[in-house]
Amino acid sequence: MRNNRITSEEQKSAEIMITPLADVSFTILITLMVLTPVIMLSSKLHVNLPTATTVEPPTEKNITITITSENEISVNNELVTTAQLANVLKSTIRRNPSYLVLIRTDKELETGTVMNMIALVKKLGAKSISIATIQG
């Protein structure tokens, strides 16, 4: 008859090696920590967003309008001039009338400029408008 006892060599091979698992986990964690700011700053224009106490994450696709403190404007990360703005927004909103229009402005920008942008977007038929902020 054969003896069904496990030898010490067989016992060692059945162990899970924790060190390589921890090394891989920490490597992935560090990689994600380094890449997250790069992914979050994918816009061509740098904007200092104002701070808010609550932020609701967008649940659907957006039409993003970005205005810098130097009055540079982009629609969905495409730079546009002030003269082109109304036409670009009109065609974008007509193609996607249910999309949320997200307005990202520098916190140093005059309030009148932001209000004019909101009025323009409403006039062009946007159904929902939001102003981007940083959670603080």
N, C-alpha and C. Protein backbone atom coordinates (compact mmCIF):
# COMPACT_ATOMS: atom_id res chain seq x y z
N MET A 1 0.83 -1.18 0.00
CA MET A 1 0.00 0.00 0.00
C MET A 1 0.88 1.24 0.00
N ARG A 2 0.32 2.25 -0.57
CA ARG A 2 1.08 3.50 -0.66
C ARG A 2 0.74 4.42 0.52
N ASN A 3 1.73 5.06 1.02
CA ASN A 3 1.56 5.97 2.15
C ASN A 3 1.11 7.33 1.62
N ASN A 4 -0.01 7.91 2.12
CA ASN A 4 -0.56 9.18 1.65
C ASN A 4 -0.06 10.37 2.44
N ARG A 5 1.03 10.27 3.09
CA ARG A 5 1.58 11.38 3.86
C ARG A 5 2.30 12.35 2.93
N ILE A 6 2.19 13.64 3.24
CA ILE A 6 2.86 14.68 2.45
C ILE A 6 4.24 14.91 3.04
N THR A 7 5.22 14.89 2.17
CA THR A 7 6.59 15.12 2.64
C THR A 7 6.82 16.62 2.80
N SER A 8 7.91 17.00 3.44
CA SER A 8 8.21 18.41 3.67
C SER A 8 8.48 19.15 2.37
N GLU A 9 9.00 18.52 1.33
CA GLU A 9 9.23 19.16 0.04
C GLU A 9 7.91 19.52 -0.64
N GLU A 10 6.95 18.65 -0.56
CA GLU A 10 5.64 18.91 -1.15
C GLU A 10 4.93 20.03 -0.41
N GLN A 11 5.09 20.12 0.90
CA GLN A 11 4.46 21.17 1.68
C GLN A 11 5.02 22.54 1.28
N LYS A 12 6.29 22.67 1.07
CA LYS A 12 6.90 23.94 0.71
C LYS A 12 6.41 24.42 -0.65
N SER A 13 6.19 23.56 -1.58
CA SER A 13 5.76 23.97 -2.91
C SER A 13 4.31 24.45 -2.93
N ALA A 14 3.54 24.12 -1.92
CA ALA A 14 2.13 24.52 -1.88
C ALA A 14 1.94 25.89 -1.24
N GLU A 15 2.97 26.54 -0.73
CA GLU A 15 2.84 27.83 -0.09
C GLU A 15 2.70 28.95 -1.12
N ILE A 16 1.95 29.99 -0.74
CA ILE A 16 1.81 31.16 -1.59
C ILE A 16 2.91 32.15 -1.21
N MET A 17 3.62 32.62 -2.22
CA MET A 17 4.70 33.57 -1.99
C MET A 17 4.10 34.97 -1.91
N ILE A 18 4.12 35.58 -0.75
CA ILE A 18 3.52 36.89 -0.52
C ILE A 18 4.41 38.03 -1.02
N THR A 19 5.69 37.88 -0.95
CA THR A 19 6.61 38.96 -1.32
C THR A 19 6.43 39.40 -2.77
N PRO A 20 6.42 38.50 -3.76
CA PRO A 20 6.22 38.96 -5.15
C PRO A 20 4.83 39.59 -5.35
N LEU A 21 3.84 39.07 -4.65
CA LEU A 21 2.49 39.63 -4.75
C LEU A 21 2.47 41.07 -4.21
N ALA A 22 3.12 41.31 -3.10
CA ALA A 22 3.19 42.65 -2.53
C ALA A 22 3.99 43.58 -3.45
N ASP A 23 5.08 43.09 -4.02
CA ASP A 23 5.89 43.91 -4.93
C ASP A 23 5.06 44.37 -6.14
N VAL A 24 4.34 43.46 -6.73
CA VAL A 24 3.52 43.80 -7.90
C VAL A 24 2.42 44.78 -7.49
N SER A 25 1.79 44.55 -6.35
CA SER A 25 0.72 45.44 -5.88
C SER A 25 1.25 46.85 -5.65
N PHE A 26 2.39 46.99 -5.01
CA PHE A 26 2.95 48.31 -4.76
C PHE A 26 3.40 48.98 -6.06
N THR A 27 3.91 48.23 -6.99
CA THR A 27 4.31 48.79 -8.28
C THR A 27 3.11 49.34 -9.03
N ILE A 28 2.01 48.62 -9.03
CA ILE A 28 0.79 49.09 -9.68
C ILE A 28 0.26 50.33 -8.96
N LEU A 29 0.27 50.32 -7.64
CA LEU A 29 -0.20 51.47 -6.86
C LEU A 29 0.61 52.72 -7.17
N ILE A 30 1.92 52.60 -7.18
CA ILE A 30 2.79 53.75 -7.47
C ILE A 30 2.57 54.25 -8.89
N THR A 31 2.43 53.34 -9.84
CA THR A 31 2.18 53.72 -11.23
C THR A 31 0.88 54.52 -11.34
N LEU A 32 -0.17 54.06 -10.70
CA LEU A 32 -1.44 54.78 -10.74
C LEU A 32 -1.35 56.13 -10.05
N MET A 33 -0.61 56.21 -8.95
CA MET A 33 -0.46 57.48 -8.25
C MET A 33 0.28 58.50 -9.11
N VAL A 34 1.23 58.04 -9.90
CA VAL A 34 2.00 58.95 -10.76
C VAL A 34 1.18 59.36 -11.97
N LEU A 35 0.42 58.44 -12.56
CA LEU A 35 -0.30 58.72 -13.79
C LEU A 35 -1.62 59.46 -13.60
N THR A 36 -2.23 59.38 -12.43
CA THR A 36 -3.53 60.01 -12.21
C THR A 36 -3.51 61.52 -12.46
N PRO A 37 -2.55 62.28 -11.94
CA PRO A 37 -2.54 63.72 -12.24
C PRO A 37 -2.35 64.01 -13.72
N VAL A 38 -1.59 63.18 -14.41
CA VAL A 38 -1.37 63.39 -15.85
C VAL A 38 -2.68 63.17 -16.60
N ILE A 39 -3.42 62.15 -16.24
CA ILE A 39 -4.68 61.86 -16.89
C ILE A 39 -5.71 62.95 -16.60
N MET A 40 -5.73 63.44 -15.36
CA MET A 40 -6.71 64.45 -14.98
C MET A 40 -6.43 65.80 -15.64
N LEU A 41 -5.20 66.06 -16.03
CA LEU A 41 -4.84 67.34 -16.65
C LEU A 41 -4.68 67.20 -18.15
N SER A 42 -5.62 66.52 -18.81
CA SER A 42 -5.50 66.26 -20.23
C SER A 42 -5.93 67.44 -21.10
N SER A 43 -6.42 68.52 -20.52
CA SER A 43 -6.86 69.68 -21.27
C SER A 43 -5.64 70.45 -21.78
N LYS A 44 -5.82 71.12 -22.92
CA LYS A 44 -4.74 71.92 -23.50
C LYS A 44 -4.54 73.23 -22.76
N LEU A 45 -5.59 73.70 -22.10
CA LEU A 45 -5.52 74.98 -21.40
C LEU A 45 -5.45 74.76 -19.90
N HIS A 46 -4.57 75.51 -19.25
CA HIS A 46 -4.46 75.42 -17.79
C HIS A 46 -5.41 76.42 -17.16
N VAL A 47 -6.28 75.93 -16.25
CA VAL A 47 -7.28 76.77 -15.61
C VAL A 47 -7.23 76.50 -14.11
N ASN A 48 -7.21 77.58 -13.29
CA ASN A 48 -7.33 77.44 -11.84
C ASN A 48 -8.80 77.45 -11.49
N LEU A 49 -9.36 76.25 -11.22
CA LEU A 49 -10.79 76.16 -10.92
C LEU A 49 -11.08 76.66 -9.52
N PRO A 50 -12.26 77.26 -9.32
CA PRO A 50 -12.65 77.66 -7.97
C PRO A 50 -12.94 76.44 -7.11
N THR A 51 -12.95 76.62 -5.80
CA THR A 51 -13.18 75.53 -4.87
C THR A 51 -14.63 75.53 -4.42
N ALA A 52 -15.20 74.34 -4.25
CA ALA A 52 -16.58 74.20 -3.76
C ALA A 52 -16.60 73.13 -2.68
N THR A 53 -17.64 73.14 -1.86
CA THR A 53 -17.72 72.15 -0.78
C THR A 53 -18.24 70.80 -1.27
N THR A 54 -19.05 70.78 -2.32
CA THR A 54 -19.54 69.52 -2.86
C THR A 54 -19.40 69.52 -4.37
N VAL A 55 -19.15 68.36 -4.91
CA VAL A 55 -19.03 68.20 -6.35
C VAL A 55 -19.76 66.92 -6.72
N GLU A 56 -20.66 67.03 -7.69
CA GLU A 56 -21.32 65.83 -8.19
C GLU A 56 -20.60 65.38 -9.45
N PRO A 57 -20.20 64.12 -9.51
CA PRO A 57 -19.53 63.66 -10.71
C PRO A 57 -20.50 63.61 -11.88
N PRO A 58 -20.04 63.96 -13.07
CA PRO A 58 -20.93 63.91 -14.22
C PRO A 58 -21.34 62.47 -14.52
N THR A 59 -22.61 62.29 -14.85
CA THR A 59 -23.12 60.95 -15.10
C THR A 59 -23.28 60.67 -16.58
N GLU A 60 -23.10 61.67 -17.41
CA GLU A 60 -23.22 61.47 -18.85
C GLU A 60 -22.12 62.27 -19.55
N LYS A 61 -22.09 62.18 -20.86
CA LYS A 61 -21.07 62.89 -21.62
C LYS A 61 -21.31 64.39 -21.54
N ASN A 62 -20.24 65.15 -21.70
CA ASN A 62 -20.29 66.60 -21.54
C ASN A 62 -19.84 67.31 -22.80
N ILE A 63 -20.30 68.55 -22.93
CA ILE A 63 -19.71 69.52 -23.85
C ILE A 63 -18.95 70.46 -22.94
N THR A 64 -17.63 70.45 -23.03
CA THR A 64 -16.80 71.21 -22.10
C THR A 64 -16.31 72.50 -22.74
N ILE A 65 -16.61 73.61 -22.08
CA ILE A 65 -16.13 74.93 -22.51
C ILE A 65 -15.12 75.39 -21.47
N THR A 66 -13.90 75.70 -21.92
CA THR A 66 -12.84 76.13 -21.01
C THR A 66 -12.44 77.56 -21.36
N ILE A 67 -12.37 78.41 -20.32
CA ILE A 67 -11.95 79.80 -20.51
C ILE A 67 -10.82 80.08 -19.53
N THR A 68 -9.67 80.52 -20.02
CA THR A 68 -8.53 80.83 -19.15
C THR A 68 -8.61 82.28 -18.68
N SER A 69 -7.71 82.63 -17.78
CA SER A 69 -7.67 84.01 -17.28
C SER A 69 -7.24 84.99 -18.38
N GLU A 70 -6.60 84.49 -19.44
CA GLU A 70 -6.22 85.33 -20.58
C GLU A 70 -7.30 85.34 -21.66
N ASN A 71 -8.50 84.82 -21.33
CA ASN A 71 -9.65 84.74 -22.24
C ASN A 71 -9.41 83.84 -23.45
N GLU A 72 -8.56 82.83 -23.31
CA GLU A 72 -8.45 81.80 -24.34
C GLU A 72 -9.61 80.84 -24.13
N ILE A 73 -10.25 80.43 -25.22
CA ILE A 73 -11.46 79.61 -25.12
C ILE A 73 -11.26 78.32 -25.92
N SER A 74 -11.72 77.22 -25.32
CA SER A 74 -11.74 75.95 -26.06
C SER A 74 -13.09 75.29 -25.84
N VAL A 75 -13.53 74.56 -26.86
CA VAL A 75 -14.75 73.76 -26.77
C VAL A 75 -14.32 72.32 -27.02
N ASN A 76 -14.55 71.47 -26.02
CA ASN A 76 -14.11 70.06 -26.09
C ASN A 76 -12.64 69.95 -26.46
N ASN A 77 -11.80 70.75 -25.79
CA ASN A 77 -10.35 70.76 -25.96
C ASN A 77 -9.88 71.22 -27.33
N GLU A 78 -10.73 71.90 -28.09
CA GLU A 78 -10.34 72.49 -29.38
C GLU A 78 -10.36 74.00 -29.22
N LEU A 79 -9.22 74.65 -29.41
CA LEU A 79 -9.15 76.11 -29.28
C LEU A 79 -10.02 76.79 -30.33
N VAL A 80 -10.80 77.78 -29.90
CA VAL A 80 -11.64 78.54 -30.81
C VAL A 80 -11.46 80.03 -30.50
N THR A 81 -11.71 80.86 -31.51
CA THR A 81 -11.67 82.30 -31.30
C THR A 81 -13.04 82.76 -30.83
N THR A 82 -13.11 83.98 -30.35
CA THR A 82 -14.39 84.53 -29.90
C THR A 82 -15.38 84.59 -31.06
N ALA A 83 -14.88 84.88 -32.26
CA ALA A 83 -15.73 84.96 -33.44
C ALA A 83 -16.31 83.59 -33.81
N GLN A 84 -15.54 82.53 -33.61
CA GLN A 84 -15.98 81.17 -33.96
C GLN A 84 -16.85 80.55 -32.88
N LEU A 85 -16.81 81.08 -31.68
CA LEU A 85 -17.42 80.44 -30.52
C LEU A 85 -18.89 80.11 -30.70
N ALA A 86 -19.69 81.08 -31.11
CA ALA A 86 -21.13 80.86 -31.24
C ALA A 86 -21.45 79.77 -32.26
N ASN A 87 -20.76 79.80 -33.41
CA ASN A 87 -21.01 78.79 -34.44
C ASN A 87 -20.61 77.40 -34.00
N VAL A 88 -19.45 77.28 -33.34
CA VAL A 88 -18.98 75.98 -32.86
C VAL A 88 -19.92 75.43 -31.80
N LEU A 89 -20.31 76.28 -30.85
CA LEU A 89 -21.24 75.84 -29.80
C LEU A 89 -22.60 75.47 -30.37
N LYS A 90 -23.07 76.26 -31.31
CA LYS A 90 -24.38 75.98 -31.91
C LYS A 90 -24.40 74.61 -32.56
N SER A 91 -23.38 74.29 -33.35
CA SER A 91 -23.36 72.98 -34.02
C SER A 91 -23.15 71.84 -33.01
N THR A 92 -22.32 72.08 -32.00
CA THR A 92 -22.07 71.04 -30.99
C THR A 92 -23.32 70.76 -30.17
N ILE A 93 -24.02 71.80 -29.76
CA ILE A 93 -25.23 71.62 -28.94
C ILE A 93 -26.34 71.00 -29.78
N ARG A 94 -26.45 71.36 -31.04
CA ARG A 94 -27.49 70.76 -31.91
C ARG A 94 -27.25 69.27 -32.10
N ARG A 95 -25.98 68.86 -32.22
CA ARG A 95 -25.68 67.42 -32.38
C ARG A 95 -25.96 66.65 -31.09
N ASN A 96 -25.77 67.29 -29.94
CA ASN A 96 -25.89 66.63 -28.64
C ASN A 96 -26.74 67.47 -27.68
N PRO A 97 -28.04 67.63 -27.94
CA PRO A 97 -28.83 68.54 -27.11
C PRO A 97 -29.01 68.07 -25.67
N SER A 98 -28.89 66.78 -25.40
CA SER A 98 -29.10 66.29 -24.03
C SER A 98 -27.81 66.28 -23.20
N TYR A 99 -26.69 66.58 -23.81
CA TYR A 99 -25.42 66.57 -23.08
C TYR A 99 -25.35 67.73 -22.10
N LEU A 100 -24.66 67.50 -21.00
CA LEU A 100 -24.41 68.54 -20.02
C LEU A 100 -23.33 69.49 -20.56
N VAL A 101 -23.58 70.79 -20.49
CA VAL A 101 -22.57 71.78 -20.88
C VAL A 101 -21.81 72.14 -19.61
N LEU A 102 -20.52 71.77 -19.58
CA LEU A 102 -19.67 72.01 -18.42
C LEU A 102 -18.76 73.20 -18.72
N ILE A 103 -18.89 74.25 -17.92
CA ILE A 103 -18.10 75.46 -18.14
C ILE A 103 -16.96 75.48 -17.12
N ARG A 104 -15.72 75.42 -17.61
CA ARG A 104 -14.52 75.46 -16.77
C ARG A 104 -13.88 76.82 -16.95
N THR A 105 -13.85 77.62 -15.90
CA THR A 105 -13.24 78.95 -16.00
C THR A 105 -12.20 79.13 -14.90
N ASP A 106 -11.24 79.95 -15.18
CA ASP A 106 -10.24 80.30 -14.18
C ASP A 106 -10.92 81.10 -13.08
N LYS A 107 -10.52 80.86 -11.84
CA LYS A 107 -11.18 81.56 -10.73
C LYS A 107 -10.88 83.06 -10.74
N GLU A 108 -9.86 83.50 -11.46
CA GLU A 108 -9.53 84.92 -11.57
C GLU A 108 -10.32 85.63 -12.66
N LEU A 109 -11.08 84.88 -13.46
CA LEU A 109 -11.85 85.45 -14.56
C LEU A 109 -13.03 86.27 -14.02
N GLU A 110 -13.35 87.34 -14.69
CA GLU A 110 -14.46 88.20 -14.26
C GLU A 110 -15.78 87.45 -14.32
N THR A 111 -16.64 87.71 -13.35
CA THR A 111 -17.93 87.03 -13.28
C THR A 111 -18.78 87.35 -14.51
N GLY A 112 -18.67 88.55 -15.02
CA GLY A 112 -19.45 88.93 -16.21
C GLY A 112 -19.17 88.04 -17.40
N THR A 113 -17.91 87.64 -17.57
CA THR A 113 -17.54 86.76 -18.67
C THR A 113 -18.23 85.40 -18.52
N VAL A 114 -18.26 84.89 -17.29
CA VAL A 114 -18.91 83.60 -17.02
C VAL A 114 -20.41 83.72 -17.28
N MET A 115 -21.02 84.81 -16.81
CA MET A 115 -22.46 85.01 -17.00
C MET A 115 -22.81 85.14 -18.48
N ASN A 116 -21.96 85.82 -19.25
CA ASN A 116 -22.19 85.93 -20.69
C ASN A 116 -22.12 84.56 -21.36
N MET A 117 -21.19 83.71 -20.91
CA MET A 117 -21.07 82.37 -21.48
C MET A 117 -22.31 81.55 -21.16
N ILE A 118 -22.80 81.64 -19.92
CA ILE A 118 -24.01 80.90 -19.54
C ILE A 118 -25.19 81.37 -20.38
N ALA A 119 -25.33 82.69 -20.56
CA ALA A 119 -26.42 83.23 -21.36
C ALA A 119 -26.34 82.75 -22.81
N LEU A 120 -25.13 82.72 -23.37
CA LEU A 120 -24.95 82.26 -24.75
C LEU A 120 -25.33 80.79 -24.88
N VAL A 121 -24.89 79.97 -23.94
CA VAL A 121 -25.17 78.54 -24.00
C VAL A 121 -26.67 78.30 -23.87
N LYS A 122 -27.34 79.03 -22.97
CA LYS A 122 -28.80 78.91 -22.83
C LYS A 122 -29.51 79.31 -24.13
N LYS A 123 -29.05 80.41 -24.71
CA LYS A 123 -29.64 80.92 -25.96
C LYS A 123 -29.50 79.90 -27.09
N LEU A 124 -28.41 79.16 -27.10
CA LEU A 124 -28.17 78.18 -28.16
C LEU A 124 -28.91 76.85 -27.92
N GLY A 125 -29.62 76.73 -26.79
CA GLY A 125 -30.48 75.56 -26.59
C GLY A 125 -29.96 74.49 -25.67
N ALA A 126 -28.96 74.76 -24.88
CA ALA A 126 -28.47 73.74 -23.94
C ALA A 126 -29.52 73.48 -22.87
N LYS A 127 -29.72 72.21 -22.53
CA LYS A 127 -30.74 71.86 -21.54
C LYS A 127 -30.19 71.84 -20.12
N SER A 128 -28.91 71.52 -19.96
CA SER A 128 -28.33 71.53 -18.61
C SER A 128 -26.92 72.12 -18.67
N ILE A 129 -26.65 72.98 -17.70
CA ILE A 129 -25.37 73.71 -17.65
C ILE A 129 -24.80 73.54 -16.26
N SER A 130 -23.49 73.35 -16.18
CA SER A 130 -22.81 73.22 -14.90
C SER A 130 -21.51 73.98 -14.94
N ILE A 131 -21.07 74.48 -13.78
CA ILE A 131 -19.79 75.17 -13.69
C ILE A 131 -18.83 74.27 -12.91
N ALA A 132 -17.66 73.99 -13.48
CA ALA A 132 -16.68 73.10 -12.87
C ALA A 132 -16.02 73.77 -11.67
N THR A 133 -15.82 73.00 -10.61
CA THR A 133 -15.10 73.47 -9.43
C THR A 133 -14.20 72.36 -8.93
N ILE A 134 -13.35 72.69 -7.98
CA ILE A 134 -12.50 71.71 -7.30
C ILE A 134 -13.10 71.47 -5.93
N GLN A 135 -13.19 70.22 -5.53
CA GLN A 135 -13.75 69.92 -4.21
C GLN A 135 -12.78 70.40 -3.15
N GLY A 136 -13.31 71.14 -2.16
CA GLY A 136 -12.42 71.70 -1.16
C GLY A 136 -12.84 71.47 0.24
